[in-house]
């Protein structure tokens, strides 16, 4: 049977960064793998970033976004059936940060997938920069996406050079357990459940441990459906903004309360003539990095978003006349 791993974590937690390291390790070990991006959204920026992994031993697939959750689940199953017939050593699923964990378990228990796949590891990426208090929907996702994991993996440890591993673990575990209590989940994490890579680097032994991390069945109350949460994401496409002006645009959006309660801004814009600028921003920190592949899109994530107001800020800086907001 083919092992299937699930990489979970809330929006912007660092799933794709971890996935690229994990997949590269498997490829270097000679394994034949597939990566399945499972996203409710209309645009998948992360898929573009994974293109550098594509090779004879690594196949990239995506479950098309949009549509109702039932249609999305059928498309997910169809993609897995296709992958199950190709004799991969390992399949890695990276869902959107908005994900109903039951979709994963329910789909794998259906025929013929139950004969072809077995769950390897569920790994949840937990961001060292996670706010102590998240908006209600994000708090729900923070707990529900970790409830069944075999291992928590800390991302962005280097953002807190003066804070000890013990203190970081304690504050994140306390936050996570409070989120689990709120959704009536009886699972509780302890510091031994969180893995902190040294200097954000993973050894072969670290990856071997994660490959065998397994998972744990846990139940919880579903406070929100995928439809409820997806309404907190807006896409703005055909964006061309001078890279010198990007920080100003991002600050303008975050600082305008009329845009709504924005938690994160991500995406990419062209950096002529040789690549793209990847955007990953919160109210506390803006990260802009150069990447080879990208897609002209800015995505805003939060609650009570007002698309027209965000439009007004983007249009002030955007030079692409094909601009459209979704």
C-alpha atoms as a PDB file:
ATOM      1  CA  UNK A   1       0.000   0.000   0.000  1.00  0.00           C
ATOM      2  CA  UNK A   2       1.080   3.578  -0.628  1.00  0.00           C
ATOM      3  CA  UNK A   3       1.759   5.708   2.425  1.00  0.00           C
ATOM      4  CA  UNK A   4      -0.077   9.013   2.410  1.00  0.00           C
ATOM      5  CA  UNK A   5       0.996  11.948   4.553  1.00  0.00           C
ATOM      6  CA  UNK A   6      -1.068  15.017   5.417  1.00  0.00           C
ATOM      7  CA  UNK A   7       0.610  18.347   6.181  1.00  0.00           C
ATOM      8  CA  UNK A   8      -1.758  20.648   8.089  1.00  0.00           C
ATOM      9  CA  UNK A   9      -1.594  24.063   9.709  1.00  0.00           C
ATOM     10  CA  UNK A  10      -3.424  27.368   9.559  1.00  0.00           C
ATOM     11  CA  UNK A  11      -2.925  29.857   6.739  1.00  0.00           C
ATOM     12  CA  UNK A  12       0.642  31.110   6.588  1.00  0.00           C
ATOM     13  CA  UNK A  13       1.998  28.674   9.175  1.00  0.00           C
ATOM     14  CA  UNK A  14       4.817  27.464   6.910  1.00  0.00           C
ATOM     15  CA  UNK A  15       3.351  24.282   5.414  1.00  0.00           C
ATOM     16  CA  UNK A  16       4.794  24.785   1.945  1.00  0.00           C
ATOM     17  CA  UNK A  17       8.273  25.636   3.266  1.00  0.00           C
ATOM     18  CA  UNK A  18       8.287  22.425   5.308  1.00  0.00           C
ATOM     19  CA  UNK A  19       6.791  20.394   2.470  1.00  0.00           C
ATOM     20  CA  UNK A  20       9.568  21.405   0.095  1.00  0.00           C
ATOM     21  CA  UNK A  21      12.213  20.200   2.558  1.00  0.00           C
ATOM     22  CA  UNK A  22      10.340  16.991   3.340  1.00  0.00           C
ATOM     23  CA  UNK A  23       9.703  16.152  -0.312  1.00  0.00           C
ATOM     24  CA  UNK A  24      13.307  16.878  -1.290  1.00  0.00           C
ATOM     25  CA  UNK A  25      14.475  14.433   1.384  1.00  0.00           C
ATOM     26  CA  UNK A  26      12.227  11.692  -0.010  1.00  0.00           C
ATOM     27  CA  UNK A  27      13.375  12.395  -3.567  1.00  0.00           C
ATOM     28  CA  UNK A  28      17.035  12.318  -2.521  1.00  0.00           C
ATOM     29  CA  UNK A  29      16.396   8.918  -0.933  1.00  0.00           C
ATOM     30  CA  UNK A  30      15.233   7.637  -4.301  1.00  0.00           C
ATOM     31  CA  UNK A  31      11.524   7.471  -3.492  1.00  0.00           C
ATOM     32  CA  UNK A  32       8.847   7.998  -6.113  1.00  0.00           C
ATOM     33  CA  UNK A  33       6.450  10.557  -4.650  1.00  0.00           C
ATOM     34  CA  UNK A  34       3.447  12.670  -5.577  1.00  0.00           C
ATOM     35  CA  UNK A  35       2.383  15.961  -4.027  1.00  0.00           C
ATOM     36  CA  UNK A  36      -1.312  16.810  -4.030  1.00  0.00           C
ATOM     37  CA  UNK A  37      -2.313  20.400  -3.332  1.00  0.00           C
ATOM     38  CA  UNK A  38      -5.864  20.245  -1.991  1.00  0.00           C
ATOM     39  CA  UNK A  39      -7.257  23.775  -1.939  1.00  0.00           C
ATOM     40  CA  UNK A  40     -10.771  25.235  -1.697  1.00  0.00           C
ATOM     41  CA  UNK A  41      -9.516  28.533  -3.033  1.00  0.00           C
ATOM     42  CA  UNK A  42      -9.755  29.853  -6.554  1.00  0.00           C
ATOM     43  CA  UNK A  43      -5.975  30.346  -6.849  1.00  0.00           C
ATOM     44  CA  UNK A  44      -3.111  28.266  -5.494  1.00  0.00           C
ATOM     45  CA  UNK A  45       0.064  30.319  -5.196  1.00  0.00           C
ATOM     46  CA  UNK A  46       1.918  27.547  -3.365  1.00  0.00           C
ATOM     47  CA  UNK A  47       1.618  25.232  -6.375  1.00  0.00           C
ATOM     48  CA  UNK A  48       3.835  27.605  -8.317  1.00  0.00           C
ATOM     49  CA  UNK A  49       6.490  27.482  -5.592  1.00  0.00           C
ATOM     50  CA  UNK A  50       6.592  23.678  -5.735  1.00  0.00           C
ATOM     51  CA  UNK A  51       7.505  23.556  -9.415  1.00  0.00           C
ATOM     52  CA  UNK A  52      11.211  23.290  -8.638  1.00  0.00           C
ATOM     53  CA  UNK A  53      10.581  19.866  -7.063  1.00  0.00           C
ATOM     54  CA  UNK A  54       9.094  18.457 -10.248  1.00  0.00           C
ATOM     55  CA  UNK A  55      11.232  15.642 -11.684  1.00  0.00           C
ATOM     56  CA  UNK A  56      11.002  12.009 -12.780  1.00  0.00           C
ATOM     57  CA  UNK A  57      10.514  10.981  -9.141  1.00  0.00           C
ATOM     58  CA  UNK A  58       8.105  13.754  -8.141  1.00  0.00           C
ATOM     59  CA  UNK A  59       4.674  14.406  -9.644  1.00  0.00           C
ATOM     60  CA  UNK A  60       2.650  17.519  -8.780  1.00  0.00           C
ATOM     61  CA  UNK A  61      -1.146  17.513  -8.812  1.00  0.00           C
ATOM     62  CA  UNK A  62      -3.848  19.869  -7.630  1.00  0.00           C
ATOM     63  CA  UNK A  63      -7.483  19.494  -6.635  1.00  0.00           C
ATOM     64  CA  UNK A  64      -9.180  22.343  -8.475  1.00  0.00           C
ATOM     65  CA  UNK A  65     -10.643  24.993  -6.183  1.00  0.00           C
ATOM     66  CA  UNK A  66     -14.149  26.403  -6.170  1.00  0.00           C
ATOM     67  CA  UNK A  67     -17.526  24.680  -5.975  1.00  0.00           C
ATOM     68  CA  UNK A  68     -19.328  23.282  -2.949  1.00  0.00           C
ATOM     69  CA  UNK A  69     -17.565  21.023  -0.420  1.00  0.00           C
ATOM     70  CA  UNK A  70     -19.210  17.842  -1.777  1.00  0.00           C
ATOM     71  CA  UNK A  71     -17.895  18.526  -5.283  1.00  0.00           C
ATOM     72  CA  UNK A  72     -14.500  19.305  -3.837  1.00  0.00           C
ATOM     73  CA  UNK A  73     -14.458  15.984  -1.976  1.00  0.00           C
ATOM     74  CA  UNK A  74     -15.326  14.113  -5.194  1.00  0.00           C
ATOM     75  CA  UNK A  75     -12.492  15.825  -7.018  1.00  0.00           C
ATOM     76  CA  UNK A  76     -10.145  14.947  -4.151  1.00  0.00           C
ATOM     77  CA  UNK A  77     -11.145  11.285  -4.396  1.00  0.00           C
ATOM     78  CA  UNK A  78     -10.752  11.287  -8.178  1.00  0.00           C
ATOM     79  CA  UNK A  79      -7.215  12.651  -7.901  1.00  0.00           C
ATOM     80  CA  UNK A  80      -6.302  10.051  -5.278  1.00  0.00           C
ATOM     81  CA  UNK A  81      -7.681   7.231  -7.453  1.00  0.00           C
ATOM     82  CA  UNK A  82      -5.425   8.416 -10.276  1.00  0.00           C
ATOM     83  CA  UNK A  83      -2.405   8.549  -7.964  1.00  0.00           C
ATOM     84  CA  UNK A  84      -3.247   5.198  -6.382  1.00  0.00           C
ATOM     85  CA  UNK A  85      -2.937   3.490  -9.757  1.00  0.00           C
ATOM     86  CA  UNK A  86       0.615   4.754 -10.309  1.00  0.00           C
ATOM     87  CA  UNK A  87       2.471   2.896  -7.532  1.00  0.00           C
ATOM     88  CA  UNK A  88       4.027   5.821  -5.676  1.00  0.00           C
ATOM     89  CA  UNK A  89       6.094   5.157  -2.567  1.00  0.00           C
ATOM     90  CA  UNK A  90       4.556   8.120  -0.808  1.00  0.00           C
ATOM     91  CA  UNK A  91       1.859  10.697  -1.512  1.00  0.00           C
ATOM     92  CA  UNK A  92       1.948  14.017   0.367  1.00  0.00           C
ATOM     93  CA  UNK A  93      -1.248  16.053   0.673  1.00  0.00           C
ATOM     94  CA  UNK A  94      -1.032  19.735   1.494  1.00  0.00           C
ATOM     95  CA  UNK A  95      -4.480  21.222   2.012  1.00  0.00           C
ATOM     96  CA  UNK A  96      -5.431  24.846   2.254  1.00  0.00           C
ATOM     97  CA  UNK A  97      -5.229  26.398   5.716  1.00  0.00           C
ATOM     98  CA  UNK A  98      -9.029  26.104   5.576  1.00  0.00           C
ATOM     99  CA  UNK A  99      -9.656  22.371   5.756  1.00  0.00           C
ATOM    100  CA  UNK A 100     -12.159  19.942   7.217  1.00  0.00           C
ATOM    101  CA  UNK A 101     -10.098  17.028   8.556  1.00  0.00           C
ATOM    102  CA  UNK A 102     -13.030  14.641   8.095  1.00  0.00           C
ATOM    103  CA  UNK A 103     -12.654  15.014   4.322  1.00  0.00           C
ATOM    104  CA  UNK A 104      -9.249  13.336   4.523  1.00  0.00           C
ATOM    105  CA  UNK A 105     -10.323  10.408   6.720  1.00  0.00           C
ATOM    106  CA  UNK A 106     -13.705   9.858   5.049  1.00  0.00           C
ATOM    107  CA  UNK A 107     -12.220   9.829   1.558  1.00  0.00           C
ATOM    108  CA  UNK A 108      -9.484   7.338   2.435  1.00  0.00           C
ATOM    109  CA  UNK A 109     -12.042   4.956   3.962  1.00  0.00           C
ATOM    110  CA  UNK A 110     -13.927   4.751   0.648  1.00  0.00           C
ATOM    111  CA  UNK A 111     -13.350   2.014  -1.938  1.00  0.00           C
ATOM    112  CA  UNK A 112     -10.965   1.553  -3.720  1.00  0.00           C
ATOM    113  CA  UNK A 113      -8.767   3.987  -1.785  1.00  0.00           C
ATOM    114  CA  UNK A 114      -8.999   1.928   1.394  1.00  0.00           C
ATOM    115  CA  UNK A 115      -7.168  -0.871  -0.460  1.00  0.00           C
ATOM    116  CA  UNK A 116      -4.495   1.334  -2.000  1.00  0.00           C
ATOM    117  CA  UNK A 117      -3.524   3.826   0.706  1.00  0.00           C
ATOM    118  CA  UNK A 118      -2.582   3.772   4.357  1.00  0.00           C
ATOM    119  CA  UNK A 119      -2.010   6.881   6.442  1.00  0.00           C
ATOM    120  CA  UNK A 120       1.666   7.461   7.101  1.00  0.00           C
ATOM    121  CA  UNK A 121       1.940  10.653   9.147  1.00  0.00           C
ATOM    122  CA  UNK A 122      -0.200  13.657   9.871  1.00  0.00           C
ATOM    123  CA  UNK A 123       2.178  16.526  10.561  1.00  0.00           C
ATOM    124  CA  UNK A 124       0.923  19.896  11.770  1.00  0.00           C
ATOM    125  CA  UNK A 125       3.079  22.970  11.262  1.00  0.00           C
ATOM    126  CA  UNK A 126       2.784  25.435  14.110  1.00  0.00           C
ATOM    127  CA  UNK A 127       4.132  28.948  13.656  1.00  0.00           C
ATOM    128  CA  UNK A 128       6.321  30.410  16.410  1.00  0.00           C
ATOM    129  CA  UNK A 129       4.868  33.802  15.463  1.00  0.00           C
ATOM    130  CA  UNK A 130       1.247  32.727  16.097  1.00  0.00           C
ATOM    131  CA  UNK A 131      -0.676  35.472  17.874  1.00  0.00           C
ATOM    132  CA  UNK A 132      -1.734  34.641  21.426  1.00  0.00           C
ATOM    133  CA  UNK A 133      -5.327  35.369  20.462  1.00  0.00           C
ATOM    134  CA  UNK A 134      -6.645  34.644  16.974  1.00  0.00           C
ATOM    135  CA  UNK A 135     -10.009  35.572  15.430  1.00  0.00           C
ATOM    136  CA  UNK A 136     -12.682  33.019  16.306  1.00  0.00           C
ATOM    137  CA  UNK A 137     -12.586  31.137  13.008  1.00  0.00           C
ATOM    138  CA  UNK A 138      -8.796  30.906  13.015  1.00  0.00           C
ATOM    139  CA  UNK A 139      -8.825  29.666  16.617  1.00  0.00           C
ATOM    140  CA  UNK A 140     -11.122  26.871  15.490  1.00  0.00           C
ATOM    141  CA  UNK A 141      -8.772  25.924  12.646  1.00  0.00           C
ATOM    142  CA  UNK A 142      -5.727  26.204  14.906  1.00  0.00           C
ATOM    143  CA  UNK A 143      -7.168  23.477  17.135  1.00  0.00           C
ATOM    144  CA  UNK A 144      -9.023  21.295  14.644  1.00  0.00           C
ATOM    145  CA  UNK A 145      -6.152  20.955  12.161  1.00  0.00           C
ATOM    146  CA  UNK A 146      -3.796  19.796  14.924  1.00  0.00           C
ATOM    147  CA  UNK A 147      -6.209  17.496  16.778  1.00  0.00           C
ATOM    148  CA  UNK A 148      -5.257  14.312  14.903  1.00  0.00           C
ATOM    149  CA  UNK A 149      -1.595  14.940  14.157  1.00  0.00           C
ATOM    150  CA  UNK A 150       1.221  12.581  15.027  1.00  0.00           C
ATOM    151  CA  UNK A 151       3.697  15.415  15.483  1.00  0.00           C
ATOM    152  CA  UNK A 152       3.730  19.181  15.716  1.00  0.00           C
ATOM    153  CA  UNK A 153       6.615  20.852  13.874  1.00  0.00           C
ATOM    154  CA  UNK A 154       7.658  24.364  14.849  1.00  0.00           C
ATOM    155  CA  UNK A 155       8.269  26.859  12.045  1.00  0.00           C
ATOM    156  CA  UNK A 156       9.997  30.257  12.143  1.00  0.00           C
ATOM    157  CA  UNK A 157      11.955  29.436  15.288  1.00  0.00           C
ATOM    158  CA  UNK A 158      14.650  31.902  14.183  1.00  0.00           C
ATOM    159  CA  UNK A 159      12.221  34.798  14.679  1.00  0.00           C
ATOM    160  CA  UNK A 160      12.770  34.519  18.452  1.00  0.00           C
ATOM    161  CA  UNK A 161      16.546  34.185  18.990  1.00  0.00           C
ATOM    162  CA  UNK A 162      16.316  35.357  22.614  1.00  0.00           C
ATOM    163  CA  UNK A 163      13.481  33.012  23.621  1.00  0.00           C
ATOM    164  CA  UNK A 164      14.262  29.486  24.817  1.00  0.00           C
ATOM    165  CA  UNK A 165      12.844  26.387  23.146  1.00  0.00           C
ATOM    166  CA  UNK A 166      11.099  25.556  26.404  1.00  0.00           C
ATOM    167  CA  UNK A 167       9.343  28.908  26.607  1.00  0.00           C
ATOM    168  CA  UNK A 168       8.257  28.829  22.960  1.00  0.00           C
ATOM    169  CA  UNK A 169       6.884  25.301  23.396  1.00  0.00           C
ATOM    170  CA  UNK A 170       5.055  26.239  26.587  1.00  0.00           C
ATOM    171  CA  UNK A 171       3.260  29.277  25.150  1.00  0.00           C
ATOM    172  CA  UNK A 172       2.256  27.516  21.923  1.00  0.00           C
ATOM    173  CA  UNK A 173       1.104  24.332  23.648  1.00  0.00           C
ATOM    174  CA  UNK A 174      -0.934  26.366  26.142  1.00  0.00           C
ATOM    175  CA  UNK A 175      -2.584  28.242  23.279  1.00  0.00           C
ATOM    176  CA  UNK A 176      -3.249  25.054  21.318  1.00  0.00           C
ATOM    177  CA  UNK A 177      -4.756  23.237  24.297  1.00  0.00           C
ATOM    178  CA  UNK A 178      -7.062  26.184  24.971  1.00  0.00           C
ATOM    179  CA  UNK A 179      -8.228  26.001  21.347  1.00  0.00           C
ATOM    180  CA  UNK A 180      -8.868  22.257  21.706  1.00  0.00           C
ATOM    181  CA  UNK A 181     -10.823  22.803  24.913  1.00  0.00           C
ATOM    182  CA  UNK A 182     -12.985  25.362  23.137  1.00  0.00           C
ATOM    183  CA  UNK A 183     -14.032  22.780  20.516  1.00  0.00           C
ATOM    184  CA  UNK A 184     -14.608  20.099  23.181  1.00  0.00           C
ATOM    185  CA  UNK A 185     -11.701  17.934  22.020  1.00  0.00           C
ATOM    186  CA  UNK A 186     -10.301  15.700  24.755  1.00  0.00           C
ATOM    187  CA  UNK A 187      -6.798  15.621  23.305  1.00  0.00           C
ATOM    188  CA  UNK A 188      -4.135  17.673  25.050  1.00  0.00           C
ATOM    189  CA  UNK A 189      -0.602  18.292  23.847  1.00  0.00           C
ATOM    190  CA  UNK A 190       2.578  18.453  25.897  1.00  0.00           C
ATOM    191  CA  UNK A 191       6.010  19.868  24.970  1.00  0.00           C
ATOM    192  CA  UNK A 192       7.208  16.400  23.911  1.00  0.00           C
ATOM    193  CA  UNK A 193       4.654  16.508  21.063  1.00  0.00           C
ATOM    194  CA  UNK A 194       6.367  19.451  19.364  1.00  0.00           C
ATOM    195  CA  UNK A 195       9.515  19.038  17.298  1.00  0.00           C
ATOM    196  CA  UNK A 196      11.825  22.038  17.004  1.00  0.00           C
ATOM    197  CA  UNK A 197      14.404  21.728  14.213  1.00  0.00           C
ATOM    198  CA  UNK A 198      17.741  23.230  15.108  1.00  0.00           C
ATOM    199  CA  UNK A 199      18.357  26.397  13.072  1.00  0.00           C
ATOM    200  CA  UNK A 200      15.309  25.416  10.968  1.00  0.00           C
ATOM    201  CA  UNK A 201      17.364  22.539   9.514  1.00  0.00           C
ATOM    202  CA  UNK A 202      16.220  18.899   9.459  1.00  0.00           C
ATOM    203  CA  UNK A 203      18.578  15.926   9.615  1.00  0.00           C
ATOM    204  CA  UNK A 204      17.971  12.531   8.008  1.00  0.00           C
ATOM    205  CA  UNK A 205      17.043  11.192  11.458  1.00  0.00           C
ATOM    206  CA  UNK A 206      14.559  14.040  11.906  1.00  0.00           C
ATOM    207  CA  UNK A 207      12.822  13.194   8.641  1.00  0.00           C
ATOM    208  CA  UNK A 208      12.788   9.483   9.485  1.00  0.00           C
ATOM    209  CA  UNK A 209      11.066  10.295  12.770  1.00  0.00           C
ATOM    210  CA  UNK A 210       8.455  12.441  11.001  1.00  0.00           C
ATOM    211  CA  UNK A 211       7.828   9.770   8.356  1.00  0.00           C
ATOM    212  CA  UNK A 212       6.800   7.390  11.142  1.00  0.00           C
ATOM    213  CA  UNK A 213       4.993   9.962  13.335  1.00  0.00           C
ATOM    214  CA  UNK A 214       1.603   8.402  12.588  1.00  0.00           C
ATOM    215  CA  UNK A 215      -1.597  10.079  13.679  1.00  0.00           C
ATOM    216  CA  UNK A 216      -4.228   9.979  16.397  1.00  0.00           C
ATOM    217  CA  UNK A 217      -7.990   9.850  15.989  1.00  0.00           C
ATOM    218  CA  UNK A 218      -9.665  12.705  17.861  1.00  0.00           C
ATOM    219  CA  UNK A 219     -13.176  14.100  17.798  1.00  0.00           C
ATOM    220  CA  UNK A 220     -14.266  17.698  18.265  1.00  0.00           C
ATOM    221  CA  UNK A 221     -17.234  19.976  17.701  1.00  0.00           C
ATOM    222  CA  UNK A 222     -17.367  21.572  14.260  1.00  0.00           C
ATOM    223  CA  UNK A 223     -18.004  25.217  14.976  1.00  0.00           C
ATOM    224  CA  UNK A 224     -17.660  26.312  11.346  1.00  0.00           C
ATOM    225  CA  UNK A 225     -18.061  24.778   7.917  1.00  0.00           C
ATOM    226  CA  UNK A 226     -15.670  25.300   5.028  1.00  0.00           C
ATOM    227  CA  UNK A 227     -18.208  27.638   3.429  1.00  0.00           C
ATOM    228  CA  UNK A 228     -18.256  29.815   6.552  1.00  0.00           C
ATOM    229  CA  UNK A 229     -14.498  30.229   6.644  1.00  0.00           C
ATOM    230  CA  UNK A 230     -13.742  30.544   2.948  1.00  0.00           C
ATOM    231  CA  UNK A 231     -15.743  33.789   2.936  1.00  0.00           C
ATOM    232  CA  UNK A 232     -12.774  35.312   4.760  1.00  0.00           C
ATOM    233  CA  UNK A 233     -10.499  35.039   1.710  1.00  0.00           C
ATOM    234  CA  UNK A 234     -10.424  37.449  -1.240  1.00  0.00           C
ATOM    235  CA  UNK A 235      -8.279  37.166  -4.366  1.00  0.00           C
ATOM    236  CA  UNK A 236      -6.963  40.107  -6.386  1.00  0.00           C
ATOM    237  CA  UNK A 237      -5.461  39.081  -9.721  1.00  0.00           C
ATOM    238  CA  UNK A 238      -3.388  40.722 -12.461  1.00  0.00           C
ATOM    239  CA  UNK A 239      -1.272  42.693 -10.047  1.00  0.00           C
ATOM    240  CA  UNK A 240       1.843  44.646 -11.047  1.00  0.00           C
ATOM    241  CA  UNK A 241       3.243  46.790  -8.235  1.00  0.00           C
ATOM    242  CA  UNK A 242       6.748  48.230  -8.036  1.00  0.00           C
ATOM    243  CA  UNK A 243       8.632  46.225  -5.402  1.00  0.00           C
ATOM    244  CA  UNK A 244       9.684  49.447  -3.684  1.00  0.00           C
ATOM    245  CA  UNK A 245       6.008  50.274  -3.132  1.00  0.00           C
ATOM    246  CA  UNK A 246       4.865  46.837  -1.941  1.00  0.00           C
ATOM    247  CA  UNK A 247       5.572  47.486   1.776  1.00  0.00           C
ATOM    248  CA  UNK A 248       3.551  50.714   1.579  1.00  0.00           C
ATOM    249  CA  UNK A 249       0.616  48.955  -0.092  1.00  0.00           C
ATOM    250  CA  UNK A 250       0.643  46.191   2.529  1.00  0.00           C
ATOM    251  CA  UNK A 251       0.803  48.705   5.401  1.00  0.00           C
ATOM    252  CA  UNK A 252      -2.059  50.725   3.899  1.00  0.00           C
ATOM    253  CA  UNK A 253      -4.317  47.667   3.810  1.00  0.00           C
ATOM    254  CA  UNK A 254      -3.460  46.471   7.310  1.00  0.00           C
ATOM    255  CA  UNK A 255      -3.857  49.949   8.805  1.00  0.00           C
ATOM    256  CA  UNK A 256      -7.252  50.667   7.242  1.00  0.00           C
ATOM    257  CA  UNK A 257      -9.935  49.320   9.590  1.00  0.00           C
ATOM    258  CA  UNK A 258     -12.473  49.742   6.803  1.00  0.00           C
ATOM    259  CA  UNK A 259     -10.802  46.818   4.993  1.00  0.00           C
ATOM    260  CA  UNK A 260     -11.916  44.449   7.768  1.00  0.00           C
ATOM    261  CA  UNK A 261      -9.987  42.372  10.266  1.00  0.00           C
ATOM    262  CA  UNK A 262      -7.112  41.257   8.044  1.00  0.00           C
ATOM    263  CA  UNK A 263      -4.840  38.579   9.444  1.00  0.00           C
ATOM    264  CA  UNK A 264      -2.548  37.866   6.521  1.00  0.00           C
ATOM    265  CA  UNK A 265      -1.663  39.027   3.030  1.00  0.00           C
ATOM    266  CA  UNK A 266       0.083  36.613   0.679  1.00  0.00           C
ATOM    267  CA  UNK A 267       0.694  36.118  -3.017  1.00  0.00           C
ATOM    268  CA  UNK A 268       3.247  37.136  -5.630  1.00  0.00           C
ATOM    269  CA  UNK A 269       3.810  39.923  -8.128  1.00  0.00           C
ATOM    270  CA  UNK A 270       6.151  40.099 -11.133  1.00  0.00           C
ATOM    271  CA  UNK A 271       9.701  41.293 -10.534  1.00  0.00           C
ATOM    272  CA  UNK A 272      10.789  42.156 -14.041  1.00  0.00           C
ATOM    273  CA  UNK A 273      12.701  40.830 -15.855  1.00  0.00           C
ATOM    274  CA  UNK A 274      13.745  37.688 -14.026  1.00  0.00           C
ATOM    275  CA  UNK A 275      11.246  36.367 -11.522  1.00  0.00           C
ATOM    276  CA  UNK A 276       8.644  37.159  -8.914  1.00  0.00           C
ATOM    277  CA  UNK A 277       8.338  38.706  -5.471  1.00  0.00           C
ATOM    278  CA  UNK A 278       6.643  36.348  -3.013  1.00  0.00           C
ATOM    279  CA  UNK A 279       4.537  38.109  -0.355  1.00  0.00           C
ATOM    280  CA  UNK A 280       3.829  36.739   3.118  1.00  0.00           C
ATOM    281  CA  UNK A 281       2.719  39.412   5.575  1.00  0.00           C
ATOM    282  CA  UNK A 282       1.024  39.783   8.929  1.00  0.00           C
ATOM    283  CA  UNK A 283       0.393  42.922  10.964  1.00  0.00           C
ATOM    284  CA  UNK A 284       3.641  42.273  12.811  1.00  0.00           C
ATOM    285  CA  UNK A 285       5.935  41.292   9.950  1.00  0.00           C
ATOM    286  CA  UNK A 286       6.196  41.535   6.167  1.00  0.00           C
ATOM    287  CA  UNK A 287       8.338  39.022   4.269  1.00  0.00           C
ATOM    288  CA  UNK A 288       9.178  39.696   0.626  1.00  0.00           C
ATOM    289  CA  UNK A 289      11.400  37.205  -1.175  1.00  0.00           C
ATOM    290  CA  UNK A 290      12.498  36.609  -4.764  1.00  0.00           C
ATOM    291  CA  UNK A 291      11.308  33.346  -6.371  1.00  0.00           C
ATOM    292  CA  UNK A 292      11.661  31.935  -9.885  1.00  0.00           C
ATOM    293  CA  UNK A 293       8.006  30.985 -10.374  1.00  0.00           C
ATOM    294  CA  UNK A 294       4.918  32.900  -9.382  1.00  0.00           C
ATOM    295  CA  UNK A 295       1.422  34.036 -10.212  1.00  0.00           C
ATOM    296  CA  UNK A 296       0.122  37.577 -10.363  1.00  0.00           C
ATOM    297  CA  UNK A 297      -2.160  37.559  -7.334  1.00  0.00           C
ATOM    298  CA  UNK A 298      -2.598  39.077  -3.890  1.00  0.00           C
ATOM    299  CA  UNK A 299      -4.682  37.154  -1.367  1.00  0.00           C
ATOM    300  CA  UNK A 300      -6.133  38.740   1.769  1.00  0.00           C
ATOM    301  CA  UNK A 301      -7.216  36.540   4.661  1.00  0.00           C
ATOM    302  CA  UNK A 302      -9.284  37.571   7.650  1.00  0.00           C
ATOM    303  CA  UNK A 303     -12.767  38.295   8.920  1.00  0.00           C
ATOM    304  CA  UNK A 304     -15.457  40.720   7.727  1.00  0.00           C
ATOM    305  CA  UNK A 305     -13.358  41.654   4.694  1.00  0.00           C
ATOM    306  CA  UNK A 306     -14.537  44.543   2.532  1.00  0.00           C
ATOM    307  CA  UNK A 307     -13.330  43.773  -0.956  1.00  0.00           C
ATOM    308  CA  UNK A 308     -14.139  47.174  -2.458  1.00  0.00           C
ATOM    309  CA  UNK A 309     -12.071  48.986   0.169  1.00  0.00           C
ATOM    310  CA  UNK A 310      -9.092  46.671  -0.382  1.00  0.00           C
ATOM    311  CA  UNK A 311      -9.556  47.246  -4.132  1.00  0.00           C
ATOM    312  CA  UNK A 312      -9.158  50.978  -3.618  1.00  0.00           C
ATOM    313  CA  UNK A 313      -5.706  50.533  -2.061  1.00  0.00           C
ATOM    314  CA  UNK A 314      -4.474  48.070  -4.682  1.00  0.00           C
ATOM    315  CA  UNK A 315      -5.688  50.219  -7.565  1.00  0.00           C
ATOM    316  CA  UNK A 316      -3.639  53.118  -6.212  1.00  0.00           C
ATOM    317  CA  UNK A 317      -0.421  51.176  -6.872  1.00  0.00           C
ATOM    318  CA  UNK A 318      -1.344  48.592  -9.523  1.00  0.00           C
ATOM    319  CA  UNK A 319      -0.228  49.185 -13.122  1.00  0.00           C
ATOM    320  CA  UNK A 320      -1.825  46.082 -14.682  1.00  0.00           C
ATOM    321  CA  UNK A 321      -4.973  47.169 -16.517  1.00  0.00           C
ATOM    322  CA  UNK A 322      -6.349  43.621 -16.387  1.00  0.00           C
ATOM    323  CA  UNK A 323      -6.903  43.854 -12.612  1.00  0.00           C
ATOM    324  CA  UNK A 324      -9.787  41.777 -11.252  1.00  0.00           C
ATOM    325  CA  UNK A 325     -10.937  41.017  -7.712  1.00  0.00           C
ATOM    326  CA  UNK A 326     -12.768  37.854  -6.661  1.00  0.00           C
END
